[in-house]
């Protein structure tokens, strides 16, 4: 697996934040010259459910979380430099027990 990037160059950052769950999850969108986009975000302690229109790859930059994909009965733990993928038209539960989980979300085709 490729390493998780530490920075992105040549992108446009959208200043307006995406704020979910009363500020417990916050992200910013970055746009690439090829038309693709990613979000860079923070998840504070709590348990949250997200639905997906497109398939997504969630790369954990720092912190830790526990994830359960929709339709599965088991959970998996992820920490820094690990990633998981979520199918399109699906969703996942994500739980952060302590600290802040930092992530990069890539929207897959």
N, C-alpha and C. Protein backbone atom coordinates (compact mmCIF):
# COMPACT_ATOMS: atom_id res chain seq x y z
N UNK A 1 0.85 -1.18 0.00
CA UNK A 1 0.00 0.00 0.00
C UNK A 1 0.89 1.24 0.00
N UNK A 2 0.50 2.21 -0.79
CA UNK A 2 1.25 3.47 -0.85
C UNK A 2 1.12 4.20 0.48
N UNK A 3 2.13 5.00 0.78
CA UNK A 3 2.07 5.74 2.04
C UNK A 3 1.04 6.87 1.95
N UNK A 4 0.52 7.23 3.06
CA UNK A 4 -0.47 8.31 3.15
C UNK A 4 0.26 9.64 2.99
N UNK A 5 -0.23 10.50 2.08
CA UNK A 5 0.47 11.76 1.83
C UNK A 5 0.49 12.68 3.05
N UNK A 6 1.58 13.42 3.19
CA UNK A 6 1.70 14.41 4.26
C UNK A 6 1.22 15.77 3.81
N UNK A 7 1.19 16.00 2.48
CA UNK A 7 0.73 17.27 1.95
C UNK A 7 0.31 17.08 0.50
N UNK A 8 -0.46 18.05 0.00
CA UNK A 8 -0.90 18.06 -1.39
C UNK A 8 -0.47 19.40 -1.99
N UNK A 9 0.12 19.38 -3.18
CA UNK A 9 0.51 20.62 -3.84
C UNK A 9 -0.35 20.81 -5.09
N UNK A 10 -0.48 22.06 -5.51
CA UNK A 10 -1.21 22.37 -6.73
C UNK A 10 -2.70 22.13 -6.64
N UNK A 11 -3.29 22.32 -5.46
CA UNK A 11 -4.72 22.10 -5.26
C UNK A 11 -5.41 23.40 -4.87
N UNK A 12 -6.73 23.38 -4.96
CA UNK A 12 -7.55 24.48 -4.48
C UNK A 12 -8.23 24.01 -3.21
N UNK A 13 -8.12 24.78 -2.15
CA UNK A 13 -8.78 24.46 -0.88
C UNK A 13 -10.08 25.27 -0.78
N UNK A 14 -11.16 24.59 -0.43
CA UNK A 14 -12.44 25.26 -0.22
C UNK A 14 -12.47 25.75 1.23
N UNK A 15 -12.63 27.05 1.41
CA UNK A 15 -12.56 27.63 2.75
C UNK A 15 -13.71 27.21 3.66
N UNK A 16 -14.91 27.09 3.12
CA UNK A 16 -16.08 26.73 3.93
C UNK A 16 -15.96 25.28 4.38
N UNK A 17 -16.04 25.06 5.66
CA UNK A 17 -15.92 23.71 6.23
C UNK A 17 -17.22 22.93 6.05
N UNK A 18 -17.07 21.62 5.98
CA UNK A 18 -18.19 20.69 6.07
C UNK A 18 -18.29 20.31 7.55
N UNK A 19 -19.37 20.67 8.20
CA UNK A 19 -19.50 20.45 9.64
C UNK A 19 -20.66 19.49 9.88
N UNK A 20 -20.37 18.40 10.60
CA UNK A 20 -21.37 17.36 10.87
C UNK A 20 -21.46 17.12 12.38
N UNK A 21 -22.60 16.63 12.79
CA UNK A 21 -22.81 16.20 14.18
C UNK A 21 -22.42 17.27 15.19
N UNK A 22 -22.92 18.48 14.96
CA UNK A 22 -22.69 19.57 15.90
C UNK A 22 -21.23 19.94 16.07
N UNK A 23 -20.43 19.74 15.02
CA UNK A 23 -19.02 20.10 15.09
C UNK A 23 -18.10 18.98 15.54
N UNK A 24 -18.65 17.79 15.76
CA UNK A 24 -17.81 16.66 16.18
C UNK A 24 -17.02 16.06 15.02
N UNK A 25 -17.47 16.34 13.78
CA UNK A 25 -16.74 15.92 12.58
C UNK A 25 -16.68 17.14 11.66
N UNK A 26 -15.47 17.53 11.27
CA UNK A 26 -15.27 18.72 10.44
C UNK A 26 -14.27 18.37 9.35
N UNK A 27 -14.58 18.77 8.11
CA UNK A 27 -13.63 18.53 7.02
C UNK A 27 -13.61 19.72 6.07
N UNK A 28 -12.56 19.78 5.28
CA UNK A 28 -12.43 20.76 4.21
C UNK A 28 -12.18 20.01 2.91
N UNK A 29 -12.77 20.51 1.84
CA UNK A 29 -12.61 19.90 0.53
C UNK A 29 -11.41 20.50 -0.17
N UNK A 30 -10.63 19.63 -0.82
CA UNK A 30 -9.57 20.11 -1.70
C UNK A 30 -9.86 19.58 -3.10
N UNK A 31 -9.65 20.46 -4.09
CA UNK A 31 -9.94 20.15 -5.48
C UNK A 31 -8.64 20.05 -6.26
N UNK A 32 -8.53 19.02 -7.07
CA UNK A 32 -7.33 18.77 -7.85
C UNK A 32 -7.52 19.25 -9.29
N UNK A 33 -6.44 19.58 -9.97
CA UNK A 33 -6.54 20.07 -11.35
C UNK A 33 -7.27 19.11 -12.30
N UNK A 34 -7.22 17.80 -12.01
CA UNK A 34 -7.89 16.82 -12.87
C UNK A 34 -9.38 16.70 -12.61
N UNK A 35 -9.91 17.51 -11.67
CA UNK A 35 -11.34 17.49 -11.36
C UNK A 35 -11.70 16.61 -10.18
N UNK A 36 -10.75 15.82 -9.68
CA UNK A 36 -11.04 14.96 -8.52
C UNK A 36 -11.02 15.80 -7.25
N UNK A 37 -11.56 15.23 -6.19
CA UNK A 37 -11.56 15.93 -4.90
C UNK A 37 -11.32 14.96 -3.77
N UNK A 38 -10.88 15.51 -2.67
CA UNK A 38 -10.69 14.78 -1.42
C UNK A 38 -11.19 15.69 -0.31
N UNK A 39 -11.44 15.10 0.84
CA UNK A 39 -11.69 15.92 2.02
C UNK A 39 -10.65 15.56 3.08
N UNK A 40 -10.23 16.58 3.82
CA UNK A 40 -9.31 16.42 4.93
C UNK A 40 -10.08 16.76 6.19
N UNK A 41 -10.12 15.85 7.16
CA UNK A 41 -10.98 16.12 8.29
C UNK A 41 -10.49 15.63 9.63
N UNK A 42 -11.28 16.02 10.63
CA UNK A 42 -11.06 15.67 12.03
C UNK A 42 -12.33 15.05 12.59
N UNK A 43 -12.18 13.99 13.36
CA UNK A 43 -13.31 13.38 14.06
C UNK A 43 -12.98 13.40 15.54
N UNK A 44 -13.83 14.07 16.30
CA UNK A 44 -13.68 14.12 17.76
C UNK A 44 -14.36 12.91 18.38
N UNK A 45 -14.11 12.63 19.67
CA UNK A 45 -14.69 11.44 20.29
C UNK A 45 -16.21 11.36 20.12
N UNK A 46 -16.67 10.16 19.80
CA UNK A 46 -18.08 9.88 19.62
C UNK A 46 -18.26 8.77 18.61
N UNK A 47 -19.53 8.43 18.35
CA UNK A 47 -19.86 7.40 17.37
C UNK A 47 -20.78 8.03 16.35
N UNK A 48 -20.44 7.86 15.06
CA UNK A 48 -21.15 8.55 13.98
C UNK A 48 -21.42 7.59 12.83
N UNK A 49 -22.49 7.84 12.09
CA UNK A 49 -22.80 7.06 10.90
C UNK A 49 -22.77 7.96 9.68
N UNK A 50 -22.09 7.50 8.63
CA UNK A 50 -22.03 8.23 7.36
C UNK A 50 -22.54 7.34 6.25
N UNK A 51 -23.32 7.93 5.36
CA UNK A 51 -23.74 7.25 4.14
C UNK A 51 -22.82 7.66 3.01
N UNK A 52 -22.70 6.81 2.00
CA UNK A 52 -21.84 7.11 0.87
C UNK A 52 -22.64 7.05 -0.43
N UNK A 53 -22.48 8.05 -1.25
CA UNK A 53 -23.04 8.02 -2.61
C UNK A 53 -22.00 7.33 -3.50
N UNK A 54 -20.75 7.83 -3.45
CA UNK A 54 -19.63 7.24 -4.18
C UNK A 54 -18.84 6.32 -3.26
N UNK A 55 -18.08 5.43 -3.85
CA UNK A 55 -17.14 4.64 -3.05
C UNK A 55 -16.10 5.59 -2.47
N UNK A 56 -15.62 5.28 -1.27
CA UNK A 56 -14.65 6.14 -0.60
C UNK A 56 -13.50 5.33 -0.03
N UNK A 57 -12.36 5.98 0.03
CA UNK A 57 -11.20 5.43 0.73
C UNK A 57 -10.87 6.39 1.85
N UNK A 58 -10.88 5.89 3.08
CA UNK A 58 -10.58 6.69 4.26
C UNK A 58 -9.19 6.30 4.75
N UNK A 59 -8.26 7.28 4.69
CA UNK A 59 -6.90 7.07 5.16
C UNK A 59 -6.75 7.80 6.50
N UNK A 60 -6.30 7.08 7.49
CA UNK A 60 -6.14 7.67 8.82
C UNK A 60 -4.74 8.28 8.91
N UNK A 61 -4.70 9.58 9.15
CA UNK A 61 -3.44 10.32 9.24
C UNK A 61 -2.89 10.26 10.66
N UNK A 62 -3.76 10.42 11.66
CA UNK A 62 -3.35 10.39 13.06
C UNK A 62 -4.55 9.98 13.90
N UNK A 63 -4.29 9.47 15.08
CA UNK A 63 -5.36 9.03 15.96
C UNK A 63 -5.80 7.61 15.61
N UNK A 64 -6.98 7.25 16.11
CA UNK A 64 -7.48 5.89 15.91
C UNK A 64 -9.00 5.89 15.89
N UNK A 65 -9.55 4.86 15.25
CA UNK A 65 -11.00 4.72 15.18
C UNK A 65 -11.37 3.25 15.04
N UNK A 66 -12.63 2.97 15.28
CA UNK A 66 -13.20 1.65 15.07
C UNK A 66 -14.32 1.82 14.06
N UNK A 67 -14.35 0.95 13.06
CA UNK A 67 -15.27 1.09 11.94
C UNK A 67 -16.08 -0.18 11.74
N UNK A 68 -17.37 0.00 11.44
CA UNK A 68 -18.23 -1.11 11.03
C UNK A 68 -18.92 -0.69 9.74
N UNK A 69 -18.62 -1.42 8.67
CA UNK A 69 -19.27 -1.15 7.39
C UNK A 69 -20.71 -1.63 7.42
N UNK A 70 -21.60 -0.91 6.74
CA UNK A 70 -22.99 -1.33 6.66
C UNK A 70 -23.05 -2.76 6.11
N UNK A 71 -23.92 -3.57 6.69
CA UNK A 71 -24.10 -4.94 6.24
C UNK A 71 -23.13 -5.93 6.85
N UNK A 72 -22.19 -5.46 7.64
CA UNK A 72 -21.25 -6.36 8.30
C UNK A 72 -21.52 -6.39 9.79
N UNK A 73 -21.20 -7.50 10.41
CA UNK A 73 -21.45 -7.62 11.85
C UNK A 73 -20.19 -7.37 12.67
N UNK A 74 -19.04 -7.34 12.03
CA UNK A 74 -17.79 -7.16 12.76
C UNK A 74 -17.25 -5.74 12.60
N UNK A 75 -16.41 -5.34 13.53
CA UNK A 75 -15.74 -4.05 13.46
C UNK A 75 -14.26 -4.26 13.21
N UNK A 76 -13.60 -3.20 12.78
CA UNK A 76 -12.15 -3.23 12.58
C UNK A 76 -11.58 -1.93 13.12
N UNK A 77 -10.40 -2.02 13.71
CA UNK A 77 -9.72 -0.85 14.26
C UNK A 77 -8.68 -0.35 13.26
N UNK A 78 -8.57 0.97 13.17
CA UNK A 78 -7.61 1.60 12.26
C UNK A 78 -6.87 2.69 13.01
N UNK A 79 -5.59 2.81 12.71
CA UNK A 79 -4.77 3.85 13.29
C UNK A 79 -3.99 4.56 12.21
N UNK A 80 -3.06 5.40 12.62
CA UNK A 80 -2.26 6.18 11.68
C UNK A 80 -1.62 5.28 10.62
N UNK A 81 -1.66 5.77 9.38
CA UNK A 81 -1.09 5.08 8.23
C UNK A 81 -1.85 3.82 7.82
N UNK A 82 -3.10 3.72 8.23
CA UNK A 82 -3.96 2.62 7.79
C UNK A 82 -5.15 3.21 7.05
N UNK A 83 -5.84 2.38 6.28
CA UNK A 83 -6.96 2.87 5.48
C UNK A 83 -8.03 1.79 5.36
N UNK A 84 -9.25 2.23 5.04
CA UNK A 84 -10.33 1.31 4.73
C UNK A 84 -11.15 1.90 3.59
N UNK A 85 -11.86 1.03 2.88
CA UNK A 85 -12.69 1.47 1.78
C UNK A 85 -14.15 1.14 2.05
N UNK A 86 -15.01 2.01 1.56
CA UNK A 86 -16.45 1.87 1.74
C UNK A 86 -17.09 1.84 0.35
N UNK A 87 -17.94 0.86 0.08
CA UNK A 87 -18.58 0.79 -1.24
C UNK A 87 -19.53 1.96 -1.48
N UNK A 88 -19.81 2.23 -2.74
CA UNK A 88 -20.79 3.25 -3.11
C UNK A 88 -22.17 2.84 -2.62
N UNK A 89 -23.02 3.82 -2.39
CA UNK A 89 -24.40 3.61 -1.95
C UNK A 89 -24.47 2.68 -0.74
N UNK A 90 -23.60 2.96 0.21
CA UNK A 90 -23.50 2.16 1.42
C UNK A 90 -23.32 3.12 2.59
N UNK A 91 -22.55 2.70 3.58
CA UNK A 91 -22.27 3.56 4.71
C UNK A 91 -21.41 2.85 5.73
N UNK A 92 -21.13 3.56 6.80
CA UNK A 92 -20.30 2.99 7.85
C UNK A 92 -20.52 3.73 9.16
N UNK A 93 -20.31 3.01 10.26
CA UNK A 93 -20.26 3.60 11.59
C UNK A 93 -18.79 3.80 11.91
N UNK A 94 -18.46 4.93 12.49
CA UNK A 94 -17.08 5.19 12.91
C UNK A 94 -17.11 5.70 14.34
N UNK A 95 -16.24 5.15 15.17
CA UNK A 95 -16.18 5.55 16.57
C UNK A 95 -14.76 5.93 16.94
N UNK A 96 -14.65 7.09 17.58
CA UNK A 96 -13.38 7.56 18.12
C UNK A 96 -13.55 7.60 19.64
N UNK A 97 -12.72 6.85 20.34
CA UNK A 97 -12.85 6.75 21.80
C UNK A 97 -12.17 7.89 22.54
N UNK A 98 -11.03 8.33 22.02
CA UNK A 98 -10.29 9.40 22.69
C UNK A 98 -9.43 10.14 21.69
N UNK A 99 -9.09 11.36 22.03
CA UNK A 99 -8.27 12.16 21.15
C UNK A 99 -9.01 12.57 19.89
N UNK A 100 -8.27 12.85 18.84
CA UNK A 100 -8.84 13.27 17.56
C UNK A 100 -8.32 12.33 16.48
N UNK A 101 -9.22 11.87 15.63
CA UNK A 101 -8.85 11.06 14.49
C UNK A 101 -8.78 11.99 13.27
N UNK A 102 -7.63 12.05 12.62
CA UNK A 102 -7.44 12.88 11.44
C UNK A 102 -7.47 11.97 10.21
N UNK A 103 -8.16 12.42 9.15
CA UNK A 103 -8.31 11.54 7.99
C UNK A 103 -8.25 12.30 6.66
N UNK A 104 -8.00 11.52 5.62
CA UNK A 104 -8.12 11.96 4.23
C UNK A 104 -9.17 11.05 3.60
N UNK A 105 -10.20 11.64 3.02
CA UNK A 105 -11.23 10.86 2.34
C UNK A 105 -11.09 11.10 0.84
N UNK A 106 -10.87 10.01 0.10
CA UNK A 106 -10.79 10.07 -1.36
C UNK A 106 -12.06 9.47 -1.93
N UNK A 107 -12.60 10.12 -2.93
CA UNK A 107 -13.82 9.65 -3.58
C UNK A 107 -13.39 8.83 -4.80
N UNK A 108 -13.78 7.56 -4.82
CA UNK A 108 -13.34 6.64 -5.84
C UNK A 108 -14.39 6.53 -6.95
N UNK A 109 -13.94 6.18 -8.13
CA UNK A 109 -14.87 6.00 -9.26
C UNK A 109 -15.44 4.60 -9.27
